[in-house]
Amino acid sequence: MAETTEEFADISAKRLASVYAQALLNSAEAAHDVPRVLEEIDSLVDDVLAKNAHLRELLFGAAVGRKRREEAIEKAFKGRACDIVFKFLLVLNTHERLDMIRHIRHALHELNDERRRHLRVFVYSAQKLTDDFRKRIADEVQKRFQLDPILVPIVDPTLLGGLKLRIGDQVLDATVRSKLDNLRNQLIEKSSHEIQSRRDRFSSAE
């Protein structure tokens, strides 16, 4: 999923998105087709809608009527998307909720993670983390939450060698922060050591 966390305008929108996400996930589970549904919803948001301005206008344009949107959905997705996703889009159109698809996608992944006792952890670092660091972070998070962590690494050069974790809207307690801070400090030291090593090699080559 090429995805970061969606922000909701208010709590009622978040709850409504969760209701639709629950209905979609229930249908996917009943059909034993959860991975495909998740993949198609992700592709719909990240690929189809993100890259097709004409389709976005047809589905979200204020001047486009419900019947015209239904025709656009049938033309674009019937026979291409799985039956569950296709019918779900028709339901959203009927209830004038197509504009919530991004929020629903976010709620869908959250609910799926919760049901499978997964915990999505966004890991921001100034450089790509080694497999060892990722494992140690996952171990600390697993100890704290007793859930199977899914790490989503995001490289952010502005952190200048630091490390930042985001786990939903939760704030890590002091114990976990301390352990993760130790990992962050080790990462900074490792980065500084590599920089110094490069300087030494450069100096010796002069």
Protein backbone atom coordinates (compact mmCIF):
# COMPACT_ATOMS: atom_id res chain seq x y z
CA MET A 1 0.00 0.00 0.00
CA ALA A 2 1.54 3.44 -0.97
CA GLU A 3 -0.08 5.02 1.66
CA THR A 4 0.36 7.42 4.58
CA THR A 5 -2.53 8.03 7.48
CA GLU A 6 -5.68 9.96 6.32
CA GLU A 7 -6.85 12.93 8.42
CA PHE A 8 -10.55 13.23 9.19
CA ALA A 9 -12.40 16.55 9.36
CA ASP A 10 -14.46 15.44 12.35
CA ILE A 11 -15.31 12.42 14.44
CA SER A 12 -18.65 11.83 12.69
CA ALA A 13 -16.91 11.43 9.32
CA LYS A 14 -14.48 8.95 10.86
CA ARG A 15 -17.32 6.92 12.36
CA LEU A 16 -19.21 6.88 9.08
CA ALA A 17 -16.13 5.74 7.18
CA SER A 18 -15.69 2.96 9.74
CA VAL A 19 -19.27 1.78 9.19
CA TYR A 20 -18.74 1.45 5.45
CA ALA A 21 -15.31 -0.13 5.97
CA GLN A 22 -16.81 -2.72 8.31
CA ALA A 23 -19.50 -3.62 5.77
CA LEU A 24 -16.90 -3.99 3.02
CA LEU A 25 -14.54 -6.07 5.15
CA ASN A 26 -17.38 -8.32 6.31
CA SER A 27 -18.30 -9.02 2.68
CA ALA A 28 -14.67 -9.69 1.78
CA GLU A 29 -14.24 -12.08 4.72
CA ALA A 30 -17.43 -13.95 3.86
CA ALA A 31 -16.11 -14.45 0.33
CA HIS A 32 -12.62 -15.36 1.61
CA ASP A 33 -11.27 -12.59 -0.62
CA VAL A 34 -9.84 -10.01 1.80
CA PRO A 35 -6.39 -9.62 0.16
CA ARG A 36 -7.89 -8.95 -3.25
CA VAL A 37 -10.40 -6.43 -1.92
CA LEU A 38 -7.70 -4.55 -0.01
CA GLU A 39 -5.46 -4.53 -3.07
CA GLU A 40 -8.21 -3.26 -5.36
CA ILE A 41 -9.29 -0.50 -2.99
CA ASP A 42 -5.65 0.59 -2.67
CA SER A 43 -5.22 0.56 -6.44
CA LEU A 44 -8.46 2.48 -6.90
CA VAL A 45 -7.25 5.29 -4.63
CA ASP A 46 -3.53 5.34 -5.41
CA ASP A 47 -3.54 4.50 -9.11
CA VAL A 48 -6.90 4.91 -10.84
CA LEU A 49 -8.27 8.01 -9.11
CA ALA A 50 -4.90 9.63 -8.52
CA LYS A 51 -3.99 9.46 -12.22
CA ASN A 52 -7.33 9.86 -13.99
CA ALA A 53 -8.63 13.42 -13.67
CA HIS A 54 -11.59 12.74 -15.98
CA LEU A 55 -12.82 9.84 -13.85
CA ARG A 56 -12.35 11.88 -10.67
CA GLU A 57 -14.56 14.59 -12.14
CA LEU A 58 -17.22 12.06 -13.11
CA LEU A 59 -17.27 10.44 -9.66
CA PHE A 60 -16.78 13.49 -7.46
CA GLY A 61 -17.93 16.45 -9.54
CA ALA A 62 -20.76 18.40 -7.92
CA ALA A 63 -22.48 18.91 -11.28
CA VAL A 64 -22.56 15.18 -12.10
CA GLY A 65 -25.80 13.40 -11.21
CA ARG A 66 -26.14 10.04 -9.51
CA LYS A 67 -27.24 8.25 -12.68
CA ARG A 68 -24.28 9.60 -14.64
CA ARG A 69 -21.92 8.49 -11.85
CA GLU A 70 -23.45 5.02 -11.89
CA GLU A 71 -22.82 4.78 -15.63
CA ALA A 72 -19.22 5.88 -15.10
CA ILE A 73 -18.72 3.23 -12.40
CA GLU A 74 -20.13 0.50 -14.63
CA LYS A 75 -17.98 1.56 -17.57
CA ALA A 76 -14.77 1.87 -15.53
CA PHE A 77 -15.06 -1.04 -13.10
CA LYS A 78 -17.57 -3.68 -14.22
CA GLY A 79 -15.62 -6.77 -15.21
CA ARG A 80 -12.37 -5.17 -14.06
CA ALA A 81 -12.86 -4.89 -10.31
CA CYS A 82 -14.03 -7.87 -8.29
CA ASP A 83 -17.77 -8.09 -7.72
CA ILE A 84 -17.48 -7.03 -4.07
CA VAL A 85 -15.65 -3.80 -4.86
CA PHE A 86 -17.84 -3.03 -7.87
CA LYS A 87 -21.07 -3.40 -5.88
CA PHE A 88 -19.57 -1.43 -2.99
CA LEU A 89 -18.89 1.52 -5.29
CA LEU A 90 -22.50 1.38 -6.48
CA VAL A 91 -23.69 1.46 -2.86
CA LEU A 92 -21.49 4.47 -2.11
CA ASN A 93 -22.92 6.22 -5.14
CA THR A 94 -26.50 5.46 -4.08
CA HIS A 95 -25.83 7.03 -0.69
CA GLU A 96 -23.82 9.95 -2.12
CA ARG A 97 -20.65 8.81 -0.31
CA LEU A 98 -18.18 8.25 -3.13
CA ASP A 99 -16.19 11.24 -1.89
CA MET A 100 -15.40 9.27 1.28
CA ILE A 101 -13.50 6.50 -0.51
CA ARG A 102 -10.08 7.65 0.75
CA HIS A 103 -11.31 7.80 4.34
CA ILE A 104 -12.99 4.42 3.95
CA ARG A 105 -9.74 2.94 2.61
CA HIS A 106 -7.90 4.15 5.70
CA ALA A 107 -10.60 2.78 8.04
CA LEU A 108 -10.62 -0.51 6.12
CA HIS A 109 -6.92 -1.10 6.74
CA GLU A 110 -7.23 -0.13 10.40
CA LEU A 111 -10.11 -2.54 10.92
CA ASN A 112 -8.37 -5.36 9.07
CA ASP A 113 -5.22 -4.85 11.16
CA GLU A 114 -7.29 -4.88 14.34
CA ARG A 115 -9.10 -8.10 13.47
CA ARG A 116 -5.85 -9.83 12.64
CA ARG A 117 -4.10 -8.43 15.70
CA HIS A 118 -1.75 -6.41 13.54
CA LEU A 119 -0.41 -2.98 14.44
CA ARG A 120 0.68 -0.63 11.67
CA VAL A 121 3.74 1.35 12.75
CA PHE A 122 5.02 4.24 10.66
CA VAL A 123 8.78 4.52 11.14
CA TYR A 124 10.34 7.80 10.05
CA SER A 125 14.12 7.89 9.74
CA ALA A 126 16.72 10.09 8.07
CA GLN A 127 18.15 7.11 6.22
CA LYS A 128 17.04 3.62 5.30
CA LEU A 129 17.05 1.40 8.37
CA THR A 130 18.97 -1.85 8.43
CA ASP A 131 17.11 -5.12 8.91
CA ASP A 132 18.59 -5.33 12.42
CA PHE A 133 17.18 -1.96 13.46
CA ARG A 134 13.80 -2.78 12.00
CA LYS A 135 13.70 -6.06 13.91
CA ARG A 136 14.63 -4.37 17.18
CA ILE A 137 11.96 -1.72 16.72
CA ALA A 138 9.38 -4.39 15.91
CA ASP A 139 10.39 -6.37 19.01
CA GLU A 140 9.97 -3.35 21.31
CA VAL A 141 6.58 -2.46 19.83
CA GLN A 142 5.41 -6.07 20.08
CA LYS A 143 6.37 -6.23 23.76
CA ARG A 144 4.44 -3.06 24.50
CA PHE A 145 1.23 -3.71 22.57
CA GLN A 146 1.16 -7.52 22.34
CA LEU A 147 0.29 -7.20 18.66
CA ASP A 148 2.09 -8.19 15.49
CA PRO A 149 3.67 -4.96 14.18
CA ILE A 150 3.65 -4.07 10.51
CA LEU A 151 6.44 -1.57 9.95
CA VAL A 152 5.92 1.09 7.30
CA PRO A 153 9.35 2.71 6.76
CA ILE A 154 9.43 6.32 5.58
CA VAL A 155 12.74 8.04 4.85
CA ASP A 156 12.73 11.70 5.93
CA PRO A 157 16.13 13.42 5.53
CA THR A 158 14.93 16.37 7.65
CA LEU A 159 15.21 14.19 10.76
CA LEU A 160 18.99 14.51 10.52
CA GLY A 161 19.76 11.00 11.72
CA GLY A 162 16.83 10.81 14.11
CA LEU A 163 14.01 8.30 14.43
CA LYS A 164 10.29 8.93 14.87
CA LEU A 165 7.47 6.41 15.28
CA ARG A 166 3.76 6.94 14.81
CA ILE A 167 1.28 4.29 15.91
CA GLY A 168 -2.21 5.50 15.09
CA ASP A 169 -3.06 8.37 17.40
CA GLN A 170 -1.46 6.75 20.43
CA VAL A 171 1.38 8.30 22.38
CA LEU A 172 4.05 5.81 23.45
CA ASP A 173 4.61 5.56 27.18
CA ALA A 174 7.88 6.62 28.77
CA THR A 175 9.32 3.10 28.95
CA VAL A 176 8.84 2.40 25.27
CA ARG A 177 9.99 5.90 24.32
CA SER A 178 13.16 5.36 26.35
CA LYS A 179 13.97 2.09 24.60
CA LEU A 180 13.20 3.55 21.20
CA ASP A 181 15.25 6.63 22.04
CA ASN A 182 18.18 4.31 22.71
CA LEU A 183 17.73 2.82 19.25
CA ARG A 184 17.53 6.30 17.80
CA ASN A 185 20.74 7.34 19.56
CA GLN A 186 22.49 4.26 18.22
CA LEU A 187 21.29 5.19 14.76
CA ILE A 188 22.66 8.72 15.15
CA GLU A 189 26.00 7.36 16.37
CA LYS A 190 26.12 4.94 13.45
CA SER A 191 25.39 7.76 11.02
CA SER A 192 28.06 10.00 12.57
CA HIS A 193 30.59 7.18 12.45
CA GLU A 194 29.90 6.60 8.76
CA ILE A 195 30.32 10.31 8.02
CA GLN A 196 33.61 10.42 9.91
CA SER A 197 34.83 7.30 8.12
CA ARG A 198 34.12 8.89 4.77
CA ARG A 199 36.01 12.01 5.85
CA ASP A 200 38.96 9.89 6.96
CA ARG A 201 39.02 8.06 3.65
CA PHE A 202 38.85 11.34 1.79
CA SER A 203 41.69 12.82 3.85
CA SER A 204 43.92 9.79 3.33
CA ALA A 205 43.36 10.00 -0.40
CA GLU A 206 44.66 13.58 -0.62
